[in-house]
C-alpha atoms as a PDB file:
ATOM      1  CA  MET A   1      30.310 -14.158 -10.373  1.00  0.00           C
ATOM      2  CA  ARG A   2      30.056 -11.441  -8.117  1.00  0.00           C
ATOM      3  CA  VAL A   3      26.241 -10.358  -7.294  1.00  0.00           C
ATOM      4  CA  ALA A   4      26.788  -6.700  -8.455  1.00  0.00           C
ATOM      5  CA  ALA A   5      28.228  -7.847 -11.771  1.00  0.00           C
ATOM      6  CA  LYS A   6      24.725  -9.635 -12.556  1.00  0.00           C
ATOM      7  CA  HIS A   7      22.796  -6.230 -12.395  1.00  0.00           C
ATOM      8  CA  PRO A   8      22.531  -3.918 -15.556  1.00  0.00           C
ATOM      9  CA  LEU A   9      24.299  -0.937 -13.416  1.00  0.00           C
ATOM     10  CA  GLY A  10      27.112  -3.160 -12.375  1.00  0.00           C
ATOM     11  CA  ARG A  11      26.541  -2.626  -8.839  1.00  0.00           C
ATOM     12  CA  ILE A  12      23.809  -3.267  -6.023  1.00  0.00           C
ATOM     13  CA  ALA A  13      21.919  -0.449  -4.477  1.00  0.00           C
ATOM     14  CA  ARG A  14      23.474   1.580  -1.994  1.00  0.00           C
ATOM     15  CA  PRO A  15      21.820   2.061   1.479  1.00  0.00           C
ATOM     16  CA  GLU A  16      20.852   5.507   1.124  1.00  0.00           C
ATOM     17  CA  GLU A  17      19.193   4.487  -2.139  1.00  0.00           C
ATOM     18  CA  VAL A  18      17.062   1.614  -0.135  1.00  0.00           C
ATOM     19  CA  ALA A  19      16.488   4.035   2.665  1.00  0.00           C
ATOM     20  CA  SER A  20      14.708   6.990   0.894  1.00  0.00           C
ATOM     21  CA  VAL A  21      12.158   4.083  -0.458  1.00  0.00           C
ATOM     22  CA  ILE A  22      11.706   3.047   2.948  1.00  0.00           C
ATOM     23  CA  ALA A  23      11.635   6.824   3.953  1.00  0.00           C
ATOM     24  CA  PHE A  24       8.840   7.274   1.331  1.00  0.00           C
ATOM     25  CA  ALA A  25       6.553   4.101   2.645  1.00  0.00           C
ATOM     26  CA  LEU A  26       6.558   5.537   5.915  1.00  0.00           C
ATOM     27  CA  SER A  27       5.830   9.090   5.006  1.00  0.00           C
ATOM     28  CA  PRO A  28       2.422  10.836   4.659  1.00  0.00           C
ATOM     29  CA  GLU A  29       2.775  10.750   0.902  1.00  0.00           C
ATOM     30  CA  ALA A  30       2.260   6.894   0.792  1.00  0.00           C
ATOM     31  CA  SER A  31      -0.812   6.889   2.571  1.00  0.00           C
ATOM     32  CA  TYR A  32      -2.821   5.937  -0.604  1.00  0.00           C
ATOM     33  CA  VAL A  33      -0.296   2.671  -1.200  1.00  0.00           C
ATOM     34  CA  ALA A  34      -1.768  -0.425   0.267  1.00  0.00           C
ATOM     35  CA  GLY A  35      -1.504  -3.872  -0.730  1.00  0.00           C
ATOM     36  CA  THR A  36       1.521  -3.654  -3.060  1.00  0.00           C
ATOM     37  CA  THR A  37       5.242  -4.598  -3.028  1.00  0.00           C
ATOM     38  CA  ILE A  38       7.860  -1.688  -3.740  1.00  0.00           C
ATOM     39  CA  ARG A  39      10.869  -3.063  -5.407  1.00  0.00           C
ATOM     40  CA  VAL A  40      14.082  -1.285  -5.202  1.00  0.00           C
ATOM     41  CA  THR A  41      15.416  -2.049  -8.440  1.00  0.00           C
ATOM     42  CA  ASP A  42      18.259  -0.775 -10.998  1.00  0.00           C
ATOM     43  CA  ALA A  43      15.308   0.474 -13.342  1.00  0.00           C
ATOM     44  CA  ALA A  44      16.397  -1.608 -16.285  1.00  0.00           C
END
């Protein structure tokens, strides 16, 4: 079974979707985020 088929959206995340989360984590807006895991998921 393909990995993408196991996800509710039927696909894996695109590189730009993951990159936007990384950009947020490195930005000043994330300065108060500490000691947590940010999961890039299909939100299902």
